[in-house]
């Protein structure tokens, strides 16, 4: 009877299948970090746009005040998305810590 060995799980973003374990862990870590970094950058960018539009409205430089409402909504949505991503990551971490081997 002949057994076929089980191949290890390979991440979808990996370009080379024969990459070392350290390289695979680094790629996963950098992908995870890049997703959170892009979410943080999005929050900063939308907040900056909101503050700029608030300044323009207060100094009378803006013609359409509805643009400020839109910017506030975008900034709020971006911040809520970041908080939900953080909460889900912490929940996943806590679930992993509860697993007994």
C-alpha atoms as a PDB file:
ATOM      1  CA  UNK A   1       0.000   0.000   0.000  1.00  0.00           C
ATOM      2  CA  UNK A   2       1.424   3.345  -1.023  1.00  0.00           C
ATOM      3  CA  UNK A   3       0.720   6.617   0.806  1.00  0.00           C
ATOM      4  CA  UNK A   4       0.849  10.024  -0.812  1.00  0.00           C
ATOM      5  CA  UNK A   5       2.275  12.666   1.542  1.00  0.00           C
ATOM      6  CA  UNK A   6       0.102  15.653   2.368  1.00  0.00           C
ATOM      7  CA  UNK A   7       1.393  18.893   0.917  1.00  0.00           C
ATOM      8  CA  UNK A   8       1.570  21.938   3.226  1.00  0.00           C
ATOM      9  CA  UNK A   9      -0.983  24.715   2.871  1.00  0.00           C
ATOM     10  CA  UNK A  10       0.273  27.396   0.502  1.00  0.00           C
ATOM     11  CA  UNK A  11      -1.049  30.984   0.763  1.00  0.00           C
ATOM     12  CA  UNK A  12      -2.840  32.380  -2.274  1.00  0.00           C
ATOM     13  CA  UNK A  13      -0.568  35.424  -2.501  1.00  0.00           C
ATOM     14  CA  UNK A  14       2.629  33.383  -2.660  1.00  0.00           C
ATOM     15  CA  UNK A  15       4.302  33.647  -6.070  1.00  0.00           C
ATOM     16  CA  UNK A  16       6.921  30.920  -5.686  1.00  0.00           C
ATOM     17  CA  UNK A  17       5.694  27.528  -4.430  1.00  0.00           C
ATOM     18  CA  UNK A  18       9.154  26.500  -3.158  1.00  0.00           C
ATOM     19  CA  UNK A  19       9.556  29.453  -0.812  1.00  0.00           C
ATOM     20  CA  UNK A  20      11.034  28.886   2.654  1.00  0.00           C
ATOM     21  CA  UNK A  21       8.874  28.900   5.784  1.00  0.00           C
ATOM     22  CA  UNK A  22      10.386  32.194   6.958  1.00  0.00           C
ATOM     23  CA  UNK A  23       9.608  33.805   3.629  1.00  0.00           C
ATOM     24  CA  UNK A  24       6.009  32.577   3.735  1.00  0.00           C
ATOM     25  CA  UNK A  25       5.548  33.900   7.263  1.00  0.00           C
ATOM     26  CA  UNK A  26       7.067  37.231   6.233  1.00  0.00           C
ATOM     27  CA  UNK A  27       4.756  37.473   3.228  1.00  0.00           C
ATOM     28  CA  UNK A  28       1.713  36.744   5.381  1.00  0.00           C
ATOM     29  CA  UNK A  29       2.855  39.283   7.962  1.00  0.00           C
ATOM     30  CA  UNK A  30       3.501  41.932   5.362  1.00  0.00           C
ATOM     31  CA  UNK A  31       0.097  41.334   3.741  1.00  0.00           C
ATOM     32  CA  UNK A  32      -1.603  41.604   7.116  1.00  0.00           C
ATOM     33  CA  UNK A  33       0.343  44.755   7.929  1.00  0.00           C
ATOM     34  CA  UNK A  34      -0.321  46.296   4.527  1.00  0.00           C
ATOM     35  CA  UNK A  35      -4.089  45.779   4.865  1.00  0.00           C
ATOM     36  CA  UNK A  36      -4.147  47.508   8.236  1.00  0.00           C
ATOM     37  CA  UNK A  37      -1.764  50.225   7.063  1.00  0.00           C
ATOM     38  CA  UNK A  38      -3.989  51.002   4.083  1.00  0.00           C
ATOM     39  CA  UNK A  39      -7.016  51.206   6.398  1.00  0.00           C
ATOM     40  CA  UNK A  40      -5.146  53.567   8.716  1.00  0.00           C
ATOM     41  CA  UNK A  41      -4.028  55.688   5.769  1.00  0.00           C
ATOM     42  CA  UNK A  42      -7.619  55.812   4.530  1.00  0.00           C
ATOM     43  CA  UNK A  43      -8.804  57.075   7.938  1.00  0.00           C
ATOM     44  CA  UNK A  44      -6.095  59.734   7.994  1.00  0.00           C
ATOM     45  CA  UNK A  45      -6.836  60.836   4.434  1.00  0.00           C
ATOM     46  CA  UNK A  46     -10.605  61.095   4.932  1.00  0.00           C
ATOM     47  CA  UNK A  47     -10.123  62.910   8.244  1.00  0.00           C
ATOM     48  CA  UNK A  48      -7.750  65.373   6.593  1.00  0.00           C
ATOM     49  CA  UNK A  49     -10.297  66.026   3.822  1.00  0.00           C
ATOM     50  CA  UNK A  50     -13.008  66.579   6.443  1.00  0.00           C
ATOM     51  CA  UNK A  51     -10.883  69.051   8.394  1.00  0.00           C
ATOM     52  CA  UNK A  52      -9.997  70.940   5.198  1.00  0.00           C
ATOM     53  CA  UNK A  53     -13.644  71.211   4.196  1.00  0.00           C
ATOM     54  CA  UNK A  54     -14.613  72.351   7.710  1.00  0.00           C
ATOM     55  CA  UNK A  55     -12.000  75.084   7.481  1.00  0.00           C
ATOM     56  CA  UNK A  56     -13.196  76.109   4.027  1.00  0.00           C
ATOM     57  CA  UNK A  57     -16.797  76.239   5.242  1.00  0.00           C
ATOM     58  CA  UNK A  58     -15.896  78.319   8.283  1.00  0.00           C
ATOM     59  CA  UNK A  59     -13.953  80.821   6.164  1.00  0.00           C
ATOM     60  CA  UNK A  60     -16.607  80.984   3.434  1.00  0.00           C
ATOM     61  CA  UNK A  61     -14.440  79.428   0.718  1.00  0.00           C
ATOM     62  CA  UNK A  62     -16.767  76.538  -0.060  1.00  0.00           C
ATOM     63  CA  UNK A  63     -19.804  76.893  -2.311  1.00  0.00           C
ATOM     64  CA  UNK A  64     -21.594  73.636  -1.534  1.00  0.00           C
ATOM     65  CA  UNK A  65     -21.973  72.769   2.174  1.00  0.00           C
ATOM     66  CA  UNK A  66     -23.211  69.281   1.230  1.00  0.00           C
ATOM     67  CA  UNK A  67     -19.604  68.388   0.380  1.00  0.00           C
ATOM     68  CA  UNK A  68     -18.805  68.687   4.084  1.00  0.00           C
ATOM     69  CA  UNK A  69     -21.605  66.261   5.002  1.00  0.00           C
ATOM     70  CA  UNK A  70     -20.268  63.800   2.452  1.00  0.00           C
ATOM     71  CA  UNK A  71     -16.723  64.143   3.810  1.00  0.00           C
ATOM     72  CA  UNK A  72     -17.975  63.592   7.372  1.00  0.00           C
ATOM     73  CA  UNK A  73     -19.827  60.453   6.282  1.00  0.00           C
ATOM     74  CA  UNK A  74     -16.739  59.114   4.510  1.00  0.00           C
ATOM     75  CA  UNK A  75     -14.516  59.790   7.523  1.00  0.00           C
ATOM     76  CA  UNK A  76     -16.994  58.133   9.870  1.00  0.00           C
ATOM     77  CA  UNK A  77     -17.329  55.069   7.642  1.00  0.00           C
ATOM     78  CA  UNK A  78     -13.538  54.732   7.313  1.00  0.00           C
ATOM     79  CA  UNK A  79     -13.058  54.950  11.092  1.00  0.00           C
ATOM     80  CA  UNK A  80     -15.817  52.412  11.751  1.00  0.00           C
ATOM     81  CA  UNK A  81     -14.303  50.033   9.186  1.00  0.00           C
ATOM     82  CA  UNK A  82     -10.906  50.275  10.872  1.00  0.00           C
ATOM     83  CA  UNK A  83     -12.439  49.610  14.289  1.00  0.00           C
ATOM     84  CA  UNK A  84     -14.332  46.582  12.980  1.00  0.00           C
ATOM     85  CA  UNK A  85     -11.168  45.218  11.346  1.00  0.00           C
ATOM     86  CA  UNK A  86      -9.332  45.639  14.647  1.00  0.00           C
ATOM     87  CA  UNK A  87     -12.133  43.929  16.573  1.00  0.00           C
ATOM     88  CA  UNK A  88     -12.245  40.988  14.157  1.00  0.00           C
ATOM     89  CA  UNK A  89      -8.458  40.585  14.310  1.00  0.00           C
ATOM     90  CA  UNK A  90      -8.557  40.574  18.117  1.00  0.00           C
ATOM     91  CA  UNK A  91     -11.413  38.059  18.115  1.00  0.00           C
ATOM     92  CA  UNK A  92      -9.449  35.788  15.776  1.00  0.00           C
ATOM     93  CA  UNK A  93      -6.356  36.112  17.969  1.00  0.00           C
ATOM     94  CA  UNK A  94      -8.368  35.260  21.099  1.00  0.00           C
ATOM     95  CA  UNK A  95      -9.891  32.238  19.367  1.00  0.00           C
ATOM     96  CA  UNK A  96      -6.434  31.009  18.394  1.00  0.00           C
ATOM     97  CA  UNK A  97      -5.216  31.443  21.950  1.00  0.00           C
ATOM     98  CA  UNK A  98      -8.129  29.316  23.266  1.00  0.00           C
ATOM     99  CA  UNK A  99      -7.255  26.386  21.028  1.00  0.00           C
ATOM    100  CA  UNK A 100      -5.602  23.625  23.011  1.00  0.00           C
ATOM    101  CA  UNK A 101      -3.124  21.415  21.264  1.00  0.00           C
END
